Amino acid sequence: MSNPKSAYSQPTKFGKENHHIIVVWVDNEAGVLARVIGLFSGRGYNIESLAVAEIDKKKHLSRITIVTKGTPEVIQQIKLQLGKLIPVHKVADFSRDDPKILFRELALFKVVGAIKKLDKAKKLCKKHNAIILDKTKKSFVVQVTALRREIDKLTIALKPLGLISASRTGAIAMTKGKEIFIKN
């Protein structure tokens, strides 16, 4: 068994590691993302995926969605440290097991090959409600929005059918229904 790269990556007697989606609302200004990411790298926390976009042009607010893994203590420490950064307005922790939260990831797949393989690949993609963005006689590019594990399975299934390129966003999350996250 290999040694951990970080002291924070090992389960402790206080809890086991779980995946969490940390959502951070920040001022949209130069250097903010670097400060948030620096907090993770400086303490040895791993970021599995990252998605960032401006969500309010008038208020100049951006939403950063970070998928990470850690014990309850590590996740709590991450949230506390993020909350102390000056450009941060609020921090939310969305557990993947929470039924009140929607999670999605977007992927673009380019498949190239003979007509028979392309037809099989298109049928497979159709099962995932894919949208064909570009197609030629020998290729197509498709967009899929799904859970991470579904995109992982589709990636594996498309490889023998001619998948030559894949591009993925990080996970994004939102509460279901009329509820919104309010900072406590």
C-alpha atoms as a PDB file:
ATOM      1  CA  MET A   1       0.000   0.000   0.000  1.00  0.00           C
ATOM      2  CA  SER A   2       1.365   3.416  -0.938  1.00  0.00           C
ATOM      3  CA  ASN A   3       1.886   6.208   1.536  1.00  0.00           C
ATOM      4  CA  PRO A   4      -0.659   9.024   1.484  1.00  0.00           C
ATOM      5  CA  LYS A   5       0.395  12.270  -0.177  1.00  0.00           C
ATOM      6  CA  SER A   6      -1.299  14.288   2.534  1.00  0.00           C
ATOM      7  CA  ALA A   7      -2.016  13.805   6.213  1.00  0.00           C
ATOM      8  CA  TYR A   8      -5.547  15.019   5.457  1.00  0.00           C
ATOM      9  CA  SER A   9      -6.270  12.193   3.029  1.00  0.00           C
ATOM     10  CA  GLN A  10      -6.458   9.398   5.614  1.00  0.00           C
ATOM     11  CA  PRO A  11      -9.622   8.405   7.457  1.00  0.00           C
ATOM     12  CA  THR A  12      -9.396   8.915  11.193  1.00  0.00           C
ATOM     13  CA  LYS A  13     -11.139   7.343  14.129  1.00  0.00           C
ATOM     14  CA  PHE A  14     -13.573  10.271  13.923  1.00  0.00           C
ATOM     15  CA  GLY A  15     -14.970   9.496  10.502  1.00  0.00           C
ATOM     16  CA  LYS A  16     -14.486   8.045   7.065  1.00  0.00           C
ATOM     17  CA  GLU A  17     -13.858  10.008   3.902  1.00  0.00           C
ATOM     18  CA  ASN A  18     -16.835  11.001   1.773  1.00  0.00           C
ATOM     19  CA  HIS A  19     -17.177  13.044  -1.378  1.00  0.00           C
ATOM     20  CA  HIS A  20     -18.568  16.525  -0.883  1.00  0.00           C
ATOM     21  CA  ILE A  21     -19.515  19.292  -3.233  1.00  0.00           C
ATOM     22  CA  ILE A  22     -18.412  22.614  -1.766  1.00  0.00           C
ATOM     23  CA  VAL A  23     -20.121  25.628  -3.341  1.00  0.00           C
ATOM     24  CA  VAL A  24     -18.538  29.031  -2.751  1.00  0.00           C
ATOM     25  CA  TRP A  25     -20.093  32.373  -3.724  1.00  0.00           C
ATOM     26  CA  VAL A  26     -17.336  34.951  -4.297  1.00  0.00           C
ATOM     27  CA  ASP A  27     -16.693  38.384  -5.769  1.00  0.00           C
ATOM     28  CA  ASN A  28     -15.842  38.042  -9.445  1.00  0.00           C
ATOM     29  CA  GLU A  29     -12.435  39.700  -9.412  1.00  0.00           C
ATOM     30  CA  ALA A  30      -8.878  38.863 -10.385  1.00  0.00           C
ATOM     31  CA  GLY A  31      -7.073  36.492  -8.038  1.00  0.00           C
ATOM     32  CA  VAL A  32     -10.088  35.134  -6.151  1.00  0.00           C
ATOM     33  CA  LEU A  33      -9.964  31.696  -7.729  1.00  0.00           C
ATOM     34  CA  ALA A  34      -6.212  31.518  -7.066  1.00  0.00           C
ATOM     35  CA  ARG A  35      -6.810  32.274  -3.371  1.00  0.00           C
ATOM     36  CA  VAL A  36      -9.521  29.614  -3.074  1.00  0.00           C
ATOM     37  CA  ILE A  37      -7.419  27.004  -4.871  1.00  0.00           C
ATOM     38  CA  GLY A  38      -4.353  28.050  -2.871  1.00  0.00           C
ATOM     39  CA  LEU A  39      -6.243  27.260   0.322  1.00  0.00           C
ATOM     40  CA  PHE A  40      -6.742  23.686  -0.929  1.00  0.00           C
ATOM     41  CA  SER A  41      -3.244  23.097  -2.284  1.00  0.00           C
ATOM     42  CA  GLY A  42      -1.513  24.725   0.673  1.00  0.00           C
ATOM     43  CA  ARG A  43      -3.131  22.283   3.066  1.00  0.00           C
ATOM     44  CA  GLY A  44      -2.887  19.177   0.909  1.00  0.00           C
ATOM     45  CA  TYR A  45      -6.594  18.914   0.110  1.00  0.00           C
ATOM     46  CA  ASN A  46      -7.350  17.395  -3.278  1.00  0.00           C
ATOM     47  CA  ILE A  47      -9.801  18.911  -5.757  1.00  0.00           C
ATOM     48  CA  GLU A  48     -11.446  16.264  -7.922  1.00  0.00           C
ATOM     49  CA  SER A  49     -13.314  18.749 -10.106  1.00  0.00           C
ATOM     50  CA  LEU A  50     -13.877  22.466 -10.341  1.00  0.00           C
ATOM     51  CA  ALA A  51     -16.512  24.562 -12.108  1.00  0.00           C
ATOM     52  CA  VAL A  52     -16.576  28.370 -12.001  1.00  0.00           C
ATOM     53  CA  ALA A  53     -18.831  30.951 -13.641  1.00  0.00           C
ATOM     54  CA  GLU A  54     -20.205  34.417 -13.022  1.00  0.00           C
ATOM     55  CA  ILE A  55     -23.811  34.162 -11.823  1.00  0.00           C
ATOM     56  CA  ASP A  56     -24.719  37.827 -11.260  1.00  0.00           C
ATOM     57  CA  LYS A  57     -23.248  40.488 -13.550  1.00  0.00           C
ATOM     58  CA  LYS A  58     -24.684  43.428 -11.579  1.00  0.00           C
ATOM     59  CA  LYS A  59     -23.274  42.260  -8.241  1.00  0.00           C
ATOM     60  CA  HIS A  60     -20.163  40.753  -9.875  1.00  0.00           C
ATOM     61  CA  LEU A  61     -20.689  37.413  -8.117  1.00  0.00           C
ATOM     62  CA  SER A  62     -19.277  34.079  -9.223  1.00  0.00           C
ATOM     63  CA  ARG A  63     -20.097  30.588  -8.034  1.00  0.00           C
ATOM     64  CA  ILE A  64     -17.285  28.094  -7.558  1.00  0.00           C
ATOM     65  CA  THR A  65     -18.269  24.428  -7.293  1.00  0.00           C
ATOM     66  CA  ILE A  66     -15.548  22.149  -5.951  1.00  0.00           C
ATOM     67  CA  VAL A  67     -15.733  18.373  -5.578  1.00  0.00           C
ATOM     68  CA  THR A  68     -13.436  17.129  -2.833  1.00  0.00           C
ATOM     69  CA  LYS A  69     -13.110  14.184  -0.509  1.00  0.00           C
ATOM     70  CA  GLY A  70     -12.440  14.155   3.199  1.00  0.00           C
ATOM     71  CA  THR A  71     -13.454  13.166   6.684  1.00  0.00           C
ATOM     72  CA  PRO A  72     -16.157  15.250   8.381  1.00  0.00           C
ATOM     73  CA  GLU A  73     -13.401  17.085  10.271  1.00  0.00           C
ATOM     74  CA  VAL A  74     -11.506  17.943   7.079  1.00  0.00           C
ATOM     75  CA  ILE A  75     -14.663  19.121   5.292  1.00  0.00           C
ATOM     76  CA  GLN A  76     -15.578  21.296   8.286  1.00  0.00           C
ATOM     77  CA  GLN A  77     -12.054  22.767   8.316  1.00  0.00           C
ATOM     78  CA  ILE A  78     -12.255  23.515   4.571  1.00  0.00           C
ATOM     79  CA  LYS A  79     -15.587  25.317   5.019  1.00  0.00           C
ATOM     80  CA  LEU A  80     -14.317  27.354   7.974  1.00  0.00           C
ATOM     81  CA  GLN A  81     -11.143  28.388   6.140  1.00  0.00           C
ATOM     82  CA  LEU A  82     -13.048  29.279   2.965  1.00  0.00           C
ATOM     83  CA  GLY A  83     -15.466  31.391   5.002  1.00  0.00           C
ATOM     84  CA  LYS A  84     -12.547  33.464   6.310  1.00  0.00           C
ATOM     85  CA  LEU A  85     -11.376  34.534   2.842  1.00  0.00           C
ATOM     86  CA  ILE A  86     -12.302  38.178   2.185  1.00  0.00           C
ATOM     87  CA  PRO A  87     -14.001  37.799  -1.237  1.00  0.00           C
ATOM     88  CA  VAL A  88     -16.169  34.866  -0.039  1.00  0.00           C
ATOM     89  CA  HIS A  89     -19.858  35.656   0.578  1.00  0.00           C
ATOM     90  CA  LYS A  90     -21.064  32.192   1.582  1.00  0.00           C
ATOM     91  CA  VAL A  91     -20.028  28.542   1.566  1.00  0.00           C
ATOM     92  CA  ALA A  92     -22.279  25.496   1.206  1.00  0.00           C
ATOM     93  CA  ASP A  93     -21.483  21.815   1.633  1.00  0.00           C
ATOM     94  CA  PHE A  94     -23.653  19.541  -0.495  1.00  0.00           C
ATOM     95  CA  SER A  95     -23.309  15.843   0.289  1.00  0.00           C
ATOM     96  CA  ARG A  96     -23.715  13.481  -2.652  1.00  0.00           C
ATOM     97  CA  ASP A  97     -26.108  11.409  -0.543  1.00  0.00           C
ATOM     98  CA  ASP A  98     -28.521  14.303   0.076  1.00  0.00           C
ATOM     99  CA  PRO A  99     -31.786  13.605  -1.796  1.00  0.00           C
ATOM    100  CA  LYS A 100     -32.625  17.341  -1.757  1.00  0.00           C
ATOM    101  CA  ILE A 101     -29.677  18.208  -4.011  1.00  0.00           C
ATOM    102  CA  LEU A 102     -29.363  17.824  -7.786  1.00  0.00           C
ATOM    103  CA  PHE A 103     -25.920  17.004  -9.194  1.00  0.00           C
ATOM    104  CA  ARG A 104     -24.912  17.035 -12.843  1.00  0.00           C
ATOM    105  CA  GLU A 105     -21.838  17.073 -15.020  1.00  0.00           C
ATOM    106  CA  LEU A 106     -21.623  17.933 -18.710  1.00  0.00           C
ATOM    107  CA  ALA A 107     -19.483  16.039 -21.210  1.00  0.00           C
ATOM    108  CA  LEU A 108     -18.698  16.437 -24.897  1.00  0.00           C
ATOM    109  CA  PHE A 109     -17.663  13.268 -26.754  1.00  0.00           C
ATOM    110  CA  LYS A 110     -16.153  13.020 -30.225  1.00  0.00           C
ATOM    111  CA  VAL A 111     -16.621   9.637 -31.897  1.00  0.00           C
ATOM    112  CA  VAL A 112     -14.915   8.765 -35.182  1.00  0.00           C
ATOM    113  CA  GLY A 113     -15.293   5.534 -37.117  1.00  0.00           C
ATOM    114  CA  ALA A 114     -17.136   3.411 -39.637  1.00  0.00           C
ATOM    115  CA  ILE A 115     -20.892   3.830 -40.090  1.00  0.00           C
ATOM    116  CA  LYS A 116     -21.799   0.647 -38.152  1.00  0.00           C
ATOM    117  CA  LYS A 117     -19.799   1.698 -35.105  1.00  0.00           C
ATOM    118  CA  LEU A 118     -21.130   5.252 -35.295  1.00  0.00           C
ATOM    119  CA  ASP A 119     -24.705   3.946 -35.394  1.00  0.00           C
ATOM    120  CA  LYS A 120     -24.063   1.809 -32.297  1.00  0.00           C
ATOM    121  CA  ALA A 121     -22.473   4.763 -30.540  1.00  0.00           C
ATOM    122  CA  LYS A 122     -25.413   7.047 -31.411  1.00  0.00           C
ATOM    123  CA  LYS A 123     -27.905   4.484 -30.045  1.00  0.00           C
ATOM    124  CA  LEU A 124     -25.890   4.235 -26.860  1.00  0.00           C
ATOM    125  CA  CYS A 125     -25.780   8.028 -26.513  1.00  0.00           C
ATOM    126  CA  LYS A 126     -29.515   8.301 -27.184  1.00  0.00           C
ATOM    127  CA  LYS A 127     -30.157   6.289 -23.987  1.00  0.00           C
ATOM    128  CA  HIS A 128     -28.470   9.153 -22.092  1.00  0.00           C
ATOM    129  CA  ASN A 129     -30.575  11.899 -23.713  1.00  0.00           C
ATOM    130  CA  ALA A 130     -27.563  13.123 -25.629  1.00  0.00           C
ATOM    131  CA  ILE A 131     -27.681  16.042 -28.039  1.00  0.00           C
ATOM    132  CA  ILE A 132     -25.737  15.735 -31.275  1.00  0.00           C
ATOM    133  CA  LEU A 133     -23.862  18.992 -31.807  1.00  0.00           C
ATOM    134  CA  ASP A 134     -21.920  18.089 -34.952  1.00  0.00           C
ATOM    135  CA  LYS A 135     -21.921  15.162 -37.366  1.00  0.00           C
ATOM    136  CA  THR A 136     -20.228  14.095 -40.565  1.00  0.00           C
ATOM    137  CA  LYS A 137     -20.207  10.798 -42.443  1.00  0.00           C
ATOM    138  CA  LYS A 138     -17.349   9.532 -40.284  1.00  0.00           C
ATOM    139  CA  SER A 139     -17.780  11.338 -36.955  1.00  0.00           C
ATOM    140  CA  PHE A 140     -20.071  13.061 -34.506  1.00  0.00           C
ATOM    141  CA  VAL A 141     -19.800  15.220 -31.382  1.00  0.00           C
ATOM    142  CA  VAL A 142     -22.396  14.694 -28.695  1.00  0.00           C
ATOM    143  CA  GLN A 143     -23.289  16.539 -25.483  1.00  0.00           C
ATOM    144  CA  VAL A 144     -24.375  14.561 -22.420  1.00  0.00           C
ATOM    145  CA  THR A 145     -25.567  15.955 -19.101  1.00  0.00           C
ATOM    146  CA  ALA A 146     -25.728  13.323 -16.366  1.00  0.00           C
ATOM    147  CA  LEU A 147     -24.357  12.138 -13.057  1.00  0.00           C
ATOM    148  CA  ARG A 148     -20.606  11.591 -12.949  1.00  0.00           C
ATOM    149  CA  ARG A 149     -20.912   7.795 -12.717  1.00  0.00           C
ATOM    150  CA  GLU A 150     -23.205   7.711 -15.773  1.00  0.00           C
ATOM    151  CA  ILE A 151     -20.705   9.756 -17.797  1.00  0.00           C
ATOM    152  CA  ASP A 152     -17.909   7.439 -16.614  1.00  0.00           C
ATOM    153  CA  LYS A 153     -19.873   4.381 -17.828  1.00  0.00           C
ATOM    154  CA  LEU A 154     -20.687   6.029 -21.153  1.00  0.00           C
ATOM    155  CA  THR A 155     -17.026   6.930 -21.660  1.00  0.00           C
ATOM    156  CA  ILE A 156     -15.999   3.300 -21.178  1.00  0.00           C
ATOM    157  CA  ALA A 157     -18.775   2.034 -23.492  1.00  0.00           C
ATOM    158  CA  LEU A 158     -17.892   4.512 -26.270  1.00  0.00           C
ATOM    159  CA  LYS A 159     -14.147   3.744 -26.361  1.00  0.00           C
ATOM    160  CA  PRO A 160     -14.440   0.576 -28.493  1.00  0.00           C
ATOM    161  CA  LEU A 161     -16.912   2.399 -30.764  1.00  0.00           C
ATOM    162  CA  GLY A 162     -14.448   5.125 -31.736  1.00  0.00           C
ATOM    163  CA  LEU A 163     -14.345   7.651 -28.889  1.00  0.00           C
ATOM    164  CA  ILE A 164     -11.266   9.755 -29.625  1.00  0.00           C
ATOM    165  CA  SER A 165     -11.832  12.799 -27.433  1.00  0.00           C
ATOM    166  CA  ALA A 166     -13.775  13.704 -24.303  1.00  0.00           C
ATOM    167  CA  SER A 167     -14.163  17.023 -22.515  1.00  0.00           C
ATOM    168  CA  ARG A 168     -15.943  17.288 -19.159  1.00  0.00           C
ATOM    169  CA  THR A 169     -17.024  20.011 -16.803  1.00  0.00           C
ATOM    170  CA  GLY A 170     -16.767  19.557 -13.096  1.00  0.00           C
ATOM    171  CA  ALA A 171     -19.840  18.655 -11.121  1.00  0.00           C
ATOM    172  CA  ILE A 172     -22.403  21.350 -10.402  1.00  0.00           C
ATOM    173  CA  ALA A 173     -25.102  21.225  -7.737  1.00  0.00           C
ATOM    174  CA  MET A 174     -28.357  22.935  -6.824  1.00  0.00           C
ATOM    175  CA  THR A 175     -31.071  22.430  -4.216  1.00  0.00           C
ATOM    176  CA  LYS A 176     -34.402  20.969  -5.370  1.00  0.00           C
ATOM    177  CA  GLY A 177     -37.741  22.759  -5.158  1.00  0.00           C
ATOM    178  CA  LYS A 178     -38.235  26.313  -3.949  1.00  0.00           C
ATOM    179  CA  GLU A 179     -35.579  26.014  -1.236  1.00  0.00           C
ATOM    180  CA  ILE A 180     -32.328  27.927  -1.599  1.00  0.00           C
ATOM    181  CA  PHE A 181     -29.133  27.799   0.393  1.00  0.00           C
ATOM    182  CA  ILE A 182     -29.045  30.557   3.006  1.00  0.00           C
ATOM    183  CA  LYS A 183     -25.891  31.245   4.990  1.00  0.00           C
ATOM    184  CA  ASN A 184     -26.370  30.344   8.652  1.00  0.00           C
END
